[in-house]
Amino acid sequence: MSEWRFLRTPHTIDQIAGLPVEARLPALELIDALETDPYAITAPYGEDDGLTRAASFSDWGTMVILCNPITKRITLLAVVWTG
């Protein structure tokens, strides 16, 4: 099991719940994959600070996350669904 943990705060849960039904399962699958290795499936977001990353899910979704390598926690900053 990975050391990484995706923070499931009320704000994060509200953001995922606010997605259309067809986007929720792909978003949750991405979260599972991020907990395995967030750097392997993400790209730098904006200036490459090594912390702020972006990942796509399905054909229409993007998550922007913050990866803290010290605490091994992943924080959802934004989620967008354009489908």
Protein backbone atom coordinates (compact mmCIF):
# COMPACT_ATOMS: atom_id res chain seq x y z
CA MET A 1 0.00 0.00 0.00
CA SER A 2 1.17 3.48 -0.83
CA GLU A 3 2.19 6.04 1.71
CA TRP A 4 0.29 8.75 -0.18
CA ARG A 5 -3.12 9.79 1.09
CA PHE A 6 -5.72 11.90 -0.70
CA LEU A 7 -7.30 14.25 1.82
CA ARG A 8 -11.06 13.73 1.96
CA THR A 9 -12.26 16.94 3.53
CA PRO A 10 -15.88 18.14 3.42
CA HIS A 11 -14.81 20.63 0.73
CA THR A 12 -13.28 17.84 -1.39
CA ILE A 13 -16.36 15.64 -0.98
CA ASP A 14 -18.59 18.57 -2.01
CA GLN A 15 -16.48 19.18 -5.13
CA ILE A 16 -16.67 15.52 -6.20
CA ALA A 17 -20.39 15.32 -5.37
CA GLY A 18 -20.96 18.44 -7.48
CA LEU A 19 -19.69 16.69 -10.59
CA PRO A 20 -22.18 15.20 -13.04
CA VAL A 21 -23.02 11.55 -12.32
CA GLU A 22 -20.97 10.30 -15.27
CA ALA A 23 -17.87 12.11 -13.96
CA ARG A 24 -17.89 10.80 -10.38
CA LEU A 25 -16.63 7.26 -10.95
CA PRO A 26 -13.73 8.36 -13.20
CA ALA A 27 -12.83 11.03 -10.61
CA LEU A 28 -12.80 8.44 -7.81
CA GLU A 29 -10.70 6.09 -9.94
CA LEU A 30 -8.21 8.92 -10.48
CA ILE A 31 -8.06 9.52 -6.73
CA ASP A 32 -7.22 5.84 -6.18
CA ALA A 33 -4.47 6.06 -8.80
CA LEU A 34 -3.09 9.26 -7.26
CA GLU A 35 -2.68 7.52 -3.92
CA THR A 36 -0.44 4.97 -5.62
CA ASP A 37 1.94 7.50 -7.19
CA PRO A 38 0.74 11.05 -7.84
CA TYR A 39 3.84 12.05 -9.78
CA ALA A 40 3.58 9.19 -12.29
CA ILE A 41 0.16 10.24 -13.60
CA THR A 42 0.27 14.02 -13.29
CA ALA A 43 1.97 16.89 -15.04
CA PRO A 44 3.24 20.15 -13.59
CA TYR A 45 0.53 22.78 -13.25
CA GLY A 46 1.75 26.27 -13.99
CA GLU A 47 5.31 26.88 -12.90
CA ASP A 48 6.94 23.55 -12.06
CA ASP A 49 7.33 23.82 -8.32
CA GLY A 50 7.11 20.04 -7.91
CA LEU A 51 4.06 20.43 -5.70
CA THR A 52 1.16 21.70 -7.80
CA ARG A 53 0.13 19.09 -10.35
CA ALA A 54 -2.67 18.44 -12.86
CA ALA A 55 -4.24 15.13 -13.85
CA SER A 56 -6.92 14.25 -16.37
CA PHE A 57 -9.79 11.83 -15.89
CA SER A 58 -12.16 10.50 -18.51
CA ASP A 59 -12.09 12.64 -21.65
CA TRP A 60 -13.51 15.72 -19.98
CA GLY A 61 -12.11 16.13 -16.48
CA THR A 62 -9.08 17.72 -14.87
CA MET A 63 -7.98 17.83 -11.26
CA VAL A 64 -5.44 20.27 -9.91
CA ILE A 65 -3.79 18.93 -6.77
CA LEU A 66 -1.11 19.81 -4.28
CA CYS A 67 1.33 17.00 -3.47
CA ASN A 68 3.22 17.41 -0.20
CA PRO A 69 6.22 15.07 -0.36
CA ILE A 70 6.96 15.54 3.34
CA THR A 71 3.55 14.52 4.69
CA LYS A 72 2.65 12.35 1.63
CA ARG A 73 -0.73 14.09 1.47
CA ILE A 74 -2.57 15.08 -1.67
CA THR A 75 -4.93 18.05 -1.50
CA LEU A 76 -7.53 18.76 -4.17
CA LEU A 77 -7.31 22.38 -5.26
CA ALA A 78 -9.77 22.33 -8.17
CA VAL A 79 -11.76 19.91 -10.28
CA VAL A 80 -13.21 20.77 -13.69
CA TRP A 81 -15.58 18.81 -15.90
CA THR A 82 -16.16 20.17 -19.40
CA GLY A 83 -18.27 17.32 -20.79
